[in-house]
């Protein structure tokens, strides 16, 4: 699964347009069991580096139209 698809999946699944970093890695790690918390944090960092998401305060927002993926 690509990082873009992963981000799209997270936001589509929650039905939210904004998530906190903690919400993201908690979903990836504990709810889905896909990644360890450390790997979830690294995925968030990679998505920031690739400009797939941006941070506004404590919230993370997708930088692409995730609803059409």
N, C-alpha and C. Protein backbone atom coordinates (compact mmCIF):
# COMPACT_ATOMS: atom_id res chain seq x y z
N UNK A 1 0.86 -1.18 0.00
CA UNK A 1 0.00 0.00 0.00
C UNK A 1 0.90 1.23 0.00
N UNK A 2 0.58 2.19 -0.85
CA UNK A 2 1.38 3.41 -0.90
C UNK A 2 1.03 4.30 0.30
N UNK A 3 1.93 5.20 0.60
CA UNK A 3 1.73 6.12 1.72
C UNK A 3 0.51 7.01 1.46
N UNK A 4 0.33 7.41 0.22
CA UNK A 4 -0.83 8.23 -0.14
C UNK A 4 -2.13 7.46 0.11
N UNK A 5 -2.17 6.20 -0.26
CA UNK A 5 -3.36 5.37 -0.03
C UNK A 5 -3.60 5.15 1.45
N UNK A 6 -2.52 4.99 2.21
CA UNK A 6 -2.64 4.81 3.65
C UNK A 6 -3.26 6.04 4.30
N UNK A 7 -2.77 7.22 3.93
CA UNK A 7 -3.31 8.47 4.48
C UNK A 7 -4.78 8.61 4.08
N UNK A 8 -5.08 8.35 2.81
CA UNK A 8 -6.47 8.43 2.34
C UNK A 8 -7.35 7.47 3.14
N UNK A 9 -6.89 6.26 3.34
CA UNK A 9 -7.65 5.26 4.10
C UNK A 9 -7.95 5.75 5.51
N UNK A 10 -6.95 6.32 6.18
CA UNK A 10 -7.15 6.81 7.55
C UNK A 10 -8.24 7.87 7.63
N UNK A 11 -8.17 8.83 6.73
CA UNK A 11 -9.14 9.91 6.78
C UNK A 11 -10.52 9.46 6.30
N UNK A 12 -10.58 8.57 5.32
CA UNK A 12 -11.87 8.05 4.87
C UNK A 12 -12.52 7.20 5.96
N UNK A 13 -11.72 6.40 6.63
CA UNK A 13 -12.24 5.50 7.66
C UNK A 13 -12.81 6.27 8.85
N UNK A 14 -12.11 7.33 9.25
CA UNK A 14 -12.56 8.09 10.41
C UNK A 14 -13.68 9.06 10.06
N UNK A 15 -13.78 9.45 8.79
CA UNK A 15 -14.78 10.43 8.39
C UNK A 15 -14.44 11.84 8.82
N UNK A 16 -13.19 12.04 9.22
CA UNK A 16 -12.75 13.36 9.67
C UNK A 16 -11.82 13.98 8.63
N UNK A 17 -11.80 15.32 8.59
CA UNK A 17 -10.89 16.04 7.70
C UNK A 17 -9.59 16.40 8.40
N UNK A 18 -9.57 16.25 9.71
CA UNK A 18 -8.38 16.56 10.51
C UNK A 18 -8.22 15.50 11.58
N UNK A 19 -6.99 15.08 11.80
CA UNK A 19 -6.68 14.11 12.85
C UNK A 19 -5.43 14.58 13.58
N UNK A 20 -5.32 14.23 14.84
CA UNK A 20 -4.07 14.52 15.54
C UNK A 20 -3.07 13.42 15.20
N UNK A 21 -1.80 13.73 15.41
CA UNK A 21 -0.76 12.73 15.17
C UNK A 21 -1.01 11.50 16.03
N UNK A 22 -1.40 11.73 17.26
CA UNK A 22 -1.67 10.60 18.17
C UNK A 22 -2.81 9.74 17.65
N UNK A 23 -3.87 10.36 17.15
CA UNK A 23 -4.99 9.59 16.59
C UNK A 23 -4.52 8.70 15.45
N UNK A 24 -3.66 9.25 14.59
CA UNK A 24 -3.19 8.49 13.43
C UNK A 24 -2.39 7.28 13.87
N UNK A 25 -1.39 7.46 14.71
CA UNK A 25 -0.60 6.28 15.06
C UNK A 25 -1.34 5.34 15.98
N UNK A 26 -2.32 5.83 16.73
CA UNK A 26 -3.14 4.93 17.55
C UNK A 26 -4.00 4.03 16.64
N UNK A 27 -4.56 4.61 15.58
CA UNK A 27 -5.36 3.82 14.63
C UNK A 27 -4.48 2.78 13.96
N UNK A 28 -3.32 3.22 13.45
CA UNK A 28 -2.42 2.32 12.74
C UNK A 28 -1.87 1.22 13.63
N UNK A 29 -1.59 1.57 14.88
CA UNK A 29 -0.92 0.63 15.79
C UNK A 29 -1.90 -0.24 16.57
N UNK A 30 -2.82 0.39 17.24
CA UNK A 30 -3.65 -0.34 18.19
C UNK A 30 -4.98 -0.82 17.59
N UNK A 31 -5.64 0.04 16.83
CA UNK A 31 -6.93 -0.35 16.26
C UNK A 31 -6.76 -1.36 15.13
N UNK A 32 -5.84 -1.05 14.19
CA UNK A 32 -5.65 -1.93 13.04
C UNK A 32 -4.55 -2.96 13.23
N UNK A 33 -3.57 -2.65 14.09
CA UNK A 33 -2.46 -3.55 14.32
C UNK A 33 -1.50 -3.66 13.13
N UNK A 34 -1.50 -2.64 12.27
CA UNK A 34 -0.67 -2.68 11.07
C UNK A 34 0.77 -2.28 11.34
N UNK A 35 0.98 -1.34 12.25
CA UNK A 35 2.32 -0.81 12.53
C UNK A 35 2.53 -0.70 14.03
N UNK A 36 3.79 -0.70 14.43
CA UNK A 36 4.09 -0.39 15.83
C UNK A 36 3.89 1.12 15.99
N UNK A 37 3.74 1.61 17.23
CA UNK A 37 3.63 3.06 17.42
C UNK A 37 4.82 3.82 16.80
N UNK A 38 6.01 3.29 16.93
CA UNK A 38 7.20 3.95 16.36
C UNK A 38 7.11 3.98 14.83
N UNK A 39 6.66 2.88 14.22
CA UNK A 39 6.50 2.86 12.76
C UNK A 39 5.39 3.81 12.31
N UNK A 40 4.35 3.92 13.10
CA UNK A 40 3.27 4.86 12.80
C UNK A 40 3.77 6.29 12.81
N UNK A 41 4.61 6.61 13.79
CA UNK A 41 5.19 7.96 13.86
C UNK A 41 6.11 8.21 12.67
N UNK A 42 6.87 7.19 12.26
CA UNK A 42 7.74 7.33 11.09
C UNK A 42 6.92 7.52 9.81
N UNK A 43 5.79 6.84 9.71
CA UNK A 43 4.92 7.00 8.54
C UNK A 43 4.40 8.43 8.46
N UNK A 44 4.03 8.99 9.60
CA UNK A 44 3.57 10.38 9.65
C UNK A 44 4.70 11.32 9.20
N UNK A 45 5.90 11.08 9.70
CA UNK A 45 7.05 11.91 9.34
C UNK A 45 7.32 11.83 7.83
N UNK A 46 7.27 10.62 7.27
CA UNK A 46 7.48 10.43 5.82
C UNK A 46 6.41 11.18 5.02
N UNK A 47 5.16 11.09 5.47
CA UNK A 47 4.07 11.77 4.77
C UNK A 47 4.26 13.28 4.82
N UNK A 48 4.77 13.80 5.94
CA UNK A 48 5.08 15.23 6.03
C UNK A 48 6.20 15.59 5.06
N UNK A 49 7.25 14.78 5.01
CA UNK A 49 8.38 15.03 4.12
C UNK A 49 7.95 15.00 2.66
N UNK A 50 7.01 14.12 2.32
CA UNK A 50 6.54 14.00 0.93
C UNK A 50 5.42 14.98 0.62
N UNK A 51 5.10 15.84 1.59
CA UNK A 51 4.07 16.87 1.45
C UNK A 51 2.68 16.28 1.18
N UNK A 52 2.44 15.08 1.68
CA UNK A 52 1.11 14.48 1.57
C UNK A 52 0.17 15.01 2.64
N UNK A 53 0.74 15.44 3.75
CA UNK A 53 -0.03 16.00 4.85
C UNK A 53 0.67 17.27 5.34
N UNK A 54 -0.07 18.07 6.09
CA UNK A 54 0.52 19.24 6.72
C UNK A 54 0.00 19.33 8.15
N UNK A 55 0.75 20.01 8.98
CA UNK A 55 0.35 20.19 10.37
C UNK A 55 -0.15 21.61 10.57
N UNK A 56 -1.26 21.71 11.25
CA UNK A 56 -1.79 22.99 11.71
C UNK A 56 -2.03 22.85 13.20
N UNK A 57 -1.11 23.37 13.97
CA UNK A 57 -1.16 23.18 15.41
C UNK A 57 -0.96 21.72 15.74
N UNK A 58 -1.91 21.13 16.45
CA UNK A 58 -1.83 19.71 16.81
C UNK A 58 -2.49 18.80 15.76
N UNK A 59 -3.09 19.41 14.75
CA UNK A 59 -3.85 18.62 13.79
C UNK A 59 -3.09 18.38 12.49
N UNK A 60 -3.39 17.26 11.88
CA UNK A 60 -2.81 16.89 10.60
C UNK A 60 -3.92 16.88 9.56
N UNK A 61 -3.61 17.48 8.42
CA UNK A 61 -4.58 17.64 7.34
C UNK A 61 -3.96 17.11 6.05
N UNK A 62 -4.71 16.34 5.27
CA UNK A 62 -4.18 15.86 3.99
C UNK A 62 -3.96 17.02 3.02
N UNK A 63 -2.92 16.93 2.20
CA UNK A 63 -2.61 17.93 1.18
C UNK A 63 -3.06 17.47 -0.20
N UNK A 64 -3.98 16.54 -0.27
CA UNK A 64 -4.47 16.02 -1.55
C UNK A 64 -5.93 15.60 -1.36
N UNK A 65 -6.59 15.36 -2.45
CA UNK A 65 -8.00 14.97 -2.41
C UNK A 65 -8.11 13.48 -2.06
N UNK A 66 -8.07 13.19 -0.78
CA UNK A 66 -8.06 11.80 -0.30
C UNK A 66 -9.40 11.09 -0.53
N UNK A 67 -10.46 11.84 -0.74
CA UNK A 67 -11.79 11.22 -0.88
C UNK A 67 -11.94 10.48 -2.21
N UNK A 68 -11.11 10.81 -3.18
CA UNK A 68 -11.21 10.17 -4.50
C UNK A 68 -10.19 9.06 -4.72
N UNK A 69 -9.56 8.61 -3.66
CA UNK A 69 -8.57 7.54 -3.78
C UNK A 69 -9.17 6.25 -3.24
